[in-house]
Amino acid sequence: MFTQLIQIVFNYLRDLITRIFTWIRHGHMITDNNQQSPIPSPTRILHTPPYYYNQISFNSNTPIQYTSIGSNTCEYRHECYQFEDDGWNSDPDTNDPTLFNSNTLTTSYLTSNEYINSMSHLSEYELLNDLYSYFFSQKQATIDDIGNILNHLLVRQQDPYSFSIRVVNLMKKLKLGRCSPSKLCLTVLENFLQENTFPVLTLTHQIQALEVGVLCPPSILDELCRIYHCDSLSDEIKCRVMKELITSNQYKEASVAITRFGLQAFFSVEEILPPLIGTDQINLIQAYIGSDTDLQIQFIMLLDKLCSPHTDYLRLYSYYQSSGFAKGSIANNKLCEHQIKRLAGRLINTYELDASLFVHFTTAKVSSFTASLLHQYYVLKGNDKQIHAKNWIDLLTASVAQSEELQINLVEELVLYNDYKIAVYIVNYFNLSQKIPESISDLLSNTRPYDPSNYRNSISGFKNTKFYPLNINFDNIILIDTPAKLQKCQENISNKGTVIGIDAEWLMPNCNFGILRLAILQLATRDFIFLLDMVVLTGAVSQSQQVSFIQTLFHSSDTIKLGFAIEGDLKMLGRTWPCVAKLLNDPTSTIDLQTVADSIKSRSDGLTNTPSNSDISPQVCEARNAEAMSIQSLSKKTSLTKLIEECFGLPMDKSNQIANWEKRPIRDDMKIYAALDAFCLIELFDYFKDKFGDTIF
């Protein structure tokens, strides 16, 4: 009897001391089970899985055992704790002051052994609550302290797998310096499993780990998948977890997890990606799409729909704002036509897709381009940089050729600019007399149209002493538009020692409804300039002849090829003749004169290091130095016309730089412009060679 009394007193005193110690640490007393607790009791949410598996095997030497999962299984989802009133839930916000009152958190440092001794009496719920409080408040705790605590807790657990998942879920937002308690817990668990073979990993554990992992940083998700073998789960189970993320508007987490498990085929881009546009998560979108061409096209098709003039962006913004997203997470300035067009254009260029596939996007770009042309011609008229008048009209007609709606809009814009002659010309050119509004038709009824025949198509109109001239006879410019002529051109450029200047022209994609292809390829030798009509040759020349010609041109060490920023020309040539694209990756004996000019400019000894001898007078040396320094003053990646002006004293006439290069026949002034762009490269080559010697190349 006396012994029992002693035991009761001892238990009472131990309990009293524990309560006092806890009160000192947390600011409240632990109440008896039959009293109202300051911390509301948790309600467990239990889910029964809609599908059952008996066993799953892994690719390992020792297969893991699984218990049968039946209808009475405790959990399909991970166990989480909720309060019926305010309090802690399964996804705590560490910055929420109502989660743990700052007054209840201890500021004194406890060693891991002291802490372990103080928590021996706690239930699992109280233990998790206390553990979070310890990690949140003990700033002096070391990694060894935390590891010691976690290891002790795992030893006490009958199910260390589930306990570790709950710790990871609780601690996923916590960081102690560079240490992540979640990752540390998984490391401790892995070491624990290596020393103890009794824990049994079940399908429930795997599903729990997956559901918690998709809400964690990618590194934690990878660790969970490795330890819990989540990658071996069926696609059906994974997809169910992903759909729950989507249902709860957690699109960022869903996109990261779907990308990680390669589940894109099970979801449409409309389900995942639109909210990421509004939240400016473009990097996640590109990671989700990857190198899958079908996904790339599907997503840009989605952007193309948003480029439709009927898209109500305000309504779209309001929809996402009312769908459970955090306030301010959807950016109004990201869900607008301008940003959508910019994103679509950037991705089309990045993935090298055909812009003509995306009708609304291309129509919007063409509409913007025609507005720019009108503004440049009417508002900026008189600017030296304005395009040629005939080119301007050709570009207008080419840009709207694919859309009757754009044609009518162009007529209306021209009327607003009071240019009735061009408006009537466009009406007649596209036969719109029965389709334009009656008010505009009445306004234009007595107006004579613009007559393009008034433009003089002669080389005399092109000659201008203000610009650098083409120093070769016009008759030596040869148009190549048949397979036979291409063969003769190939023979001419294959002669040993031939120096070939290379340039290319193409119509801007905004003028060609998104189609991007080469129109003219210029090849200049010292005696002839060949203009290859790529629009005609592409359909007339066989692939074998294309390959043969490109091999002769770019893979012969007997000839020297010159270009200026030639990489862009080669890329466009490969786009036009896809069968030769790989041959253009590593051309032989090719010199980029833009790179040479930049190299000369950056030399520490300046451009004054020119061949000289003692007989040259100081005046000549000074003149050479001044000329060299003028070249050295060029900005990096200088333009061709600026380089020509610095070297030869005159700029190039660039009035045909923006022109409809696909219109046939090619005007004489355009032929001279194209020929000069290639021939001047040979002249620059000779100039650099005379000034700086062969070593400069």
Foldseek 3Di string as FASTA:
>chain_A
DVVVVVVVVVVVVVLVVLQVVLCVAFVDGADDPVDDGPAADWDKDFDFDPDWDADDFDPDPDTFHAHGRDRPDGHQAAIWTDGPDDEDTLADDLPDCSHGPPVRHDQDADALVRVLVSCPPDDLVVVLVVVLSCLSRRLVYDLVSLLVNLLVVCVVDPASLSSLLSNCSNQQPDDNVPDRSNVSSLVSVVVVCVVDVPHGQYPSSLLNLCLSLLVHPPVSVVSSCVVNVNLSDDPVSVVVSLVVCLLQVVLLSSLVSCLVNVVPVVDACVSRPPQCLQLVVVVSVCSSQDLPPVNLVRVLLVLLVLLAPPHDLVVVQVVVCPSNDDPPSGHSVRSDNVNSLVVSVVSCVVNVHQLLVRQSSLVVLLLVVLVVLVCCCQVVPPPLPRFDPVQSLQLQCLLCVVDPVSLLVSLVVCVVSVNLQQSVVSCVVNVCLVPHDPVSNVVNVPPHHDDPVVDDQDVVVLDDPQFDADPADLVQEAEDQALVSLVVVLVVQLDFAWEWFWDFAAADCSSNSRGQATQWIWIDTPHHIYTYGLVRCLVHPDLVSVQVSLCSNFVDQRYAYEYAVCVVVLCRHCVSNVSCNVVSPDGHNYDHVLVLLLVQLPDPVFLLPWDDDPVDDPVVSVVSRVLRVLSSPADRSHDPQVNCCSQPVHGHDCSCRHGHSNDPPDGSSVSRSVRCNRVVRVVVVVSCCNTHNPVSD
